[in-house]
Amino acid sequence: MASVLVVEDDPVIRAALIEILTGHGHAVRTAHQGFEALREITQAPPDIVVLDLGLPDIDGIDVLRMIRGVSRVPVLVATARDDESEIIRLLNSGADDYLVKPFSGGQLAARLGAVLRRSAPADTPAARQPALQVADLRVDPTARTAHLAGRELTLTRREFDLLAYLAAHTDQVISRQRILTEVWRQPYLEEQTVDVHLSALRRKLGEKARRPRYLHTVRGIGIKLVASP
């Protein structure tokens, strides 16, 4: 059972979400507005947030960015917006997954469960993973930290997942489709989603696509993180 915060201003939709989630054994709290949701998250953090974007006080993407400023709580966005650029924007803003309205109760429960499984901490000895050292870059999958020449990098959840995956496959060329399948767990997403995150990672690693140090693009094949930059 998970503690779920549902952020939805429409009372009919909110009631339906409560019924679905409690029917699957979750404990549900609700917030009607963005700032109310932020108070709930900071005062009594839930296990996961189901966030509507069309809120009365502040746009849901802005709420998402604010959440990411104070918490790593998983966020599943429920949106009526199905434009590709909007989907990419919300994923880049820190969403862990999204559902486009209308959706079934079964789909909501399945997506929520998948996000919770991916976000579960690796807190048992068998699950702990050793830190990965690639030249001056050190990635610790268990602590979810990355350091470059001793300086900690500030990464989003998805940026860290991508960097850790590439570091675990050093000097291997990984296709964008494989990254979407194994890192995003959403093979149907556009490959441009990977490129956006790669661009952000390059900036934080202090490199450019034309003069890469760690992240090398192999045209027509994929990306590799090299061990000897």
Protein backbone atom coordinates (compact mmCIF):
# COMPACT_ATOMS: atom_id res chain seq x y z
CA MET A 1 0.00 0.00 0.00
CA ALA A 2 1.30 3.45 -0.91
CA SER A 3 0.45 6.92 0.32
CA VAL A 4 -0.83 8.80 -2.73
CA LEU A 5 -1.41 12.55 -3.01
CA VAL A 6 -3.96 13.30 -5.74
CA VAL A 7 -3.74 16.89 -7.00
CA GLU A 8 -6.94 17.52 -8.96
CA ASP A 9 -9.40 20.43 -8.82
CA ASP A 10 -12.34 18.75 -10.60
CA PRO A 11 -14.46 17.11 -7.86
CA VAL A 12 -15.89 14.42 -10.16
CA ILE A 13 -12.47 13.34 -11.47
CA ARG A 14 -11.03 13.60 -7.97
CA ALA A 15 -13.71 11.31 -6.57
CA ALA A 16 -13.10 8.80 -9.36
CA LEU A 17 -9.35 8.77 -8.72
CA ILE A 18 -9.91 8.26 -5.01
CA GLU A 19 -12.22 5.32 -5.71
CA ILE A 20 -9.74 3.70 -8.12
CA LEU A 21 -6.71 4.12 -5.89
CA THR A 22 -8.37 3.09 -2.63
CA GLY A 23 -9.79 0.10 -4.47
CA HIS A 24 -6.20 -0.96 -5.17
CA GLY A 25 -5.30 -0.64 -1.50
CA HIS A 26 -3.63 2.79 -1.48
CA ALA A 27 -4.10 5.50 1.15
CA VAL A 28 -5.22 8.64 -0.66
CA ARG A 29 -4.98 12.31 0.27
CA THR A 30 -6.06 15.14 -2.00
CA ALA A 31 -5.18 18.73 -2.82
CA HIS A 32 -7.29 21.04 -4.96
CA GLN A 33 -4.61 23.60 -5.84
CA GLY A 34 -0.91 23.74 -6.59
CA PHE A 35 0.23 25.59 -3.50
CA GLU A 36 -1.88 23.32 -1.31
CA ALA A 37 -0.10 20.34 -2.88
CA LEU A 38 3.31 21.86 -2.15
CA ARG A 39 2.36 22.30 1.51
CA GLU A 40 1.22 18.68 1.71
CA ILE A 41 4.46 17.42 0.14
CA THR A 42 6.70 19.41 2.47
CA GLN A 43 4.71 18.76 5.65
CA ALA A 44 3.77 15.09 5.17
CA PRO A 45 5.54 13.65 2.10
CA PRO A 46 3.52 11.00 0.23
CA ASP A 47 5.01 8.00 -1.54
CA ILE A 48 3.81 9.30 -4.92
CA VAL A 49 1.91 12.24 -6.41
CA VAL A 50 -0.75 12.06 -9.13
CA LEU A 51 -0.72 15.57 -10.58
CA ASP A 52 -3.27 17.22 -12.86
CA LEU A 53 -1.86 20.08 -14.95
CA GLY A 54 -4.99 22.22 -15.22
CA LEU A 55 -5.05 23.67 -11.70
CA PRO A 56 -6.87 26.91 -10.80
CA ASP A 57 -4.03 28.75 -9.06
CA ILE A 58 -0.88 27.78 -10.97
CA ASP A 59 -0.06 25.69 -14.02
CA GLY A 60 0.73 22.08 -13.22
CA ILE A 61 4.13 22.16 -14.95
CA ASP A 62 5.15 25.04 -12.66
CA VAL A 63 3.92 22.99 -9.69
CA LEU A 64 6.01 20.08 -10.94
CA ARG A 65 9.13 22.26 -11.10
CA MET A 66 8.46 23.54 -7.59
CA ILE A 67 8.03 19.98 -6.32
CA ARG A 68 11.38 19.05 -7.85
CA GLY A 69 12.93 21.99 -6.03
CA VAL A 70 12.03 20.53 -2.65
CA SER A 71 11.45 16.79 -3.10
CA ARG A 72 12.32 13.69 -5.10
CA VAL A 73 8.86 12.21 -4.59
CA PRO A 74 7.75 10.32 -7.73
CA VAL A 75 5.22 12.27 -9.81
CA LEU A 76 2.74 10.70 -12.23
CA VAL A 77 1.15 13.44 -14.35
CA ALA A 78 -2.46 13.08 -15.47
CA THR A 79 -3.02 15.45 -18.38
CA ALA A 80 -5.39 16.17 -21.22
CA ARG A 81 -2.46 17.61 -23.18
CA ASP A 82 -1.25 15.11 -25.77
CA ASP A 83 0.99 17.39 -27.82
CA GLU A 84 4.46 15.87 -28.15
CA SER A 85 6.29 19.07 -27.21
CA GLU A 86 4.16 19.37 -24.06
CA ILE A 87 4.87 15.76 -23.09
CA ILE A 88 8.61 16.30 -23.58
CA ARG A 89 8.42 19.51 -21.56
CA LEU A 90 6.75 17.85 -18.57
CA LEU A 91 9.20 14.92 -18.63
CA ASN A 92 12.08 17.37 -18.72
CA SER A 93 10.51 19.25 -15.82
CA GLY A 94 10.76 16.17 -13.60
CA ALA A 95 7.74 13.95 -14.23
CA ASP A 96 8.39 10.24 -13.76
CA ASP A 97 5.57 9.21 -16.07
CA TYR A 98 2.34 10.55 -17.54
CA LEU A 99 -1.16 9.49 -18.54
CA VAL A 100 -3.25 11.26 -21.16
CA LYS A 101 -6.92 11.69 -20.24
CA PRO A 102 -9.20 9.87 -20.53
CA PHE A 103 -7.59 6.73 -19.10
CA SER A 104 -8.88 3.59 -17.42
CA GLY A 105 -8.58 2.78 -13.75
CA GLY A 106 -6.50 -0.27 -14.60
CA GLN A 107 -4.04 1.81 -16.60
CA LEU A 108 -3.69 4.31 -13.76
CA ALA A 109 -3.06 1.58 -11.19
CA ALA A 110 -0.52 -0.16 -13.44
CA ARG A 111 1.41 3.02 -14.25
CA LEU A 112 1.41 4.09 -10.60
CA GLY A 113 2.73 0.68 -9.54
CA ALA A 114 5.46 0.80 -12.20
CA VAL A 115 6.63 4.25 -11.07
CA LEU A 116 6.73 3.10 -7.45
CA ARG A 117 8.80 0.04 -8.37
CA ARG A 118 11.30 2.12 -10.34
CA SER A 119 11.56 4.66 -7.53
CA ALA A 120 11.98 2.15 -4.69
CA PRO A 121 15.24 2.77 -2.79
CA ALA A 122 18.00 0.22 -3.10
CA ASP A 123 18.31 -0.21 0.65
CA THR A 124 19.08 -3.91 1.02
CA PRO A 125 22.66 -5.25 0.89
CA ALA A 126 21.87 -7.38 -2.15
CA ALA A 127 20.50 -4.36 -3.99
CA ARG A 128 23.38 -2.02 -3.24
CA GLN A 129 25.56 -1.27 -6.23
CA PRO A 130 29.20 -0.18 -6.22
CA ALA A 131 30.13 3.32 -7.34
CA LEU A 132 31.24 3.63 -10.95
CA GLN A 133 34.45 5.52 -11.73
CA VAL A 134 34.99 6.77 -15.28
CA ALA A 135 38.09 8.99 -15.43
CA ASP A 136 37.21 12.04 -13.28
CA LEU A 137 33.53 11.08 -13.19
CA ARG A 138 32.19 9.10 -10.22
CA VAL A 139 28.62 7.83 -10.20
CA ASP A 140 27.12 6.20 -7.10
CA PRO A 141 23.86 4.38 -8.07
CA THR A 142 22.95 3.63 -4.45
CA ALA A 143 23.43 7.14 -3.09
CA ARG A 144 22.21 8.57 -6.42
CA THR A 145 25.05 11.06 -6.54
CA ALA A 146 27.47 11.97 -9.32
CA HIS A 147 30.76 13.86 -8.92
CA LEU A 148 33.02 15.32 -11.58
CA ALA A 149 36.58 15.93 -10.39
CA GLY A 150 35.26 15.91 -6.80
CA ARG A 151 32.43 18.39 -7.49
CA GLU A 152 28.91 17.09 -7.02
CA LEU A 153 26.67 17.49 -10.06
CA THR A 154 23.10 18.70 -9.67
CA LEU A 155 21.08 16.31 -11.80
CA THR A 156 17.40 15.64 -12.25
CA ARG A 157 16.13 12.14 -11.54
CA ARG A 158 16.09 11.23 -15.24
CA GLU A 159 19.49 12.82 -15.96
CA PHE A 160 21.01 10.73 -13.17
CA ASP A 161 19.32 7.55 -14.40
CA LEU A 162 20.67 8.16 -17.90
CA LEU A 163 24.20 8.94 -16.70
CA ALA A 164 24.29 5.91 -14.39
CA TYR A 165 23.08 3.63 -17.17
CA LEU A 166 25.72 4.87 -19.61
CA ALA A 167 28.42 4.65 -16.92
CA ALA A 168 27.45 1.03 -16.28
CA HIS A 169 27.92 0.36 -20.01
CA THR A 170 31.14 2.32 -20.51
CA ASP A 171 32.54 2.31 -24.07
CA GLN A 172 29.43 0.56 -25.37
CA VAL A 173 27.35 2.29 -28.04
CA ILE A 174 23.78 2.36 -26.75
CA SER A 175 20.88 3.13 -29.08
CA ARG A 176 18.30 5.72 -28.14
CA GLN A 177 15.59 3.06 -28.44
CA ARG A 178 17.42 0.87 -25.93
CA ILE A 179 17.71 3.83 -23.56
CA LEU A 180 13.98 4.51 -23.83
CA THR A 181 13.26 0.84 -23.15
CA GLU A 182 15.70 0.23 -20.29
CA VAL A 183 15.98 3.67 -18.62
CA TRP A 184 12.64 5.33 -19.34
CA ARG A 185 10.78 1.98 -19.50
CA GLN A 186 8.70 3.67 -22.21
CA PRO A 187 9.89 2.47 -25.64
CA TYR A 188 7.06 4.32 -27.41
CA LEU A 189 8.45 7.78 -26.55
CA GLU A 190 10.13 9.89 -29.21
CA GLU A 191 13.92 9.51 -29.37
CA GLN A 192 14.16 13.31 -29.12
CA THR A 193 13.41 12.87 -25.41
CA VAL A 194 16.81 11.20 -24.99
CA ASP A 195 18.55 13.95 -26.95
CA VAL A 196 17.09 16.65 -24.71
CA HIS A 197 18.44 14.92 -21.60
CA LEU A 198 21.80 14.27 -23.25
CA SER A 199 22.08 17.96 -24.05
CA ALA A 200 21.39 18.86 -20.41
CA LEU A 201 23.94 16.29 -19.21
CA ARG A 202 26.59 17.65 -21.57
CA ARG A 203 26.10 21.16 -20.16
CA LYS A 204 26.49 19.88 -16.62
CA LEU A 205 29.58 17.89 -17.59
CA GLY A 206 31.04 21.04 -19.16
CA GLU A 207 31.20 19.73 -22.70
CA LYS A 208 29.58 20.30 -26.09
CA ALA A 209 28.33 17.86 -28.71
CA ARG A 210 30.94 19.14 -31.18
CA ARG A 211 33.76 18.61 -28.68
CA PRO A 212 32.65 15.77 -26.37
CA ARG A 213 34.73 14.53 -23.50
CA TYR A 214 32.55 11.80 -22.01
CA LEU A 215 29.34 11.61 -24.07
CA HIS A 216 30.05 10.68 -27.67
CA THR A 217 27.36 10.38 -30.33
CA VAL A 218 27.93 7.67 -32.94
CA ARG A 219 25.94 8.90 -35.92
CA GLY A 220 23.07 6.62 -36.87
CA ILE A 221 23.77 4.17 -34.03
CA GLY A 222 23.60 5.74 -30.58
CA ILE A 223 25.57 7.17 -27.66
CA LYS A 224 28.49 5.95 -25.60
CA LEU A 225 30.20 7.18 -22.46
CA VAL A 226 33.95 6.76 -22.99
CA ALA A 227 36.37 5.69 -20.26
CA SER A 228 39.38 7.55 -21.62
CA PRO A 229 38.28 11.05 -22.63
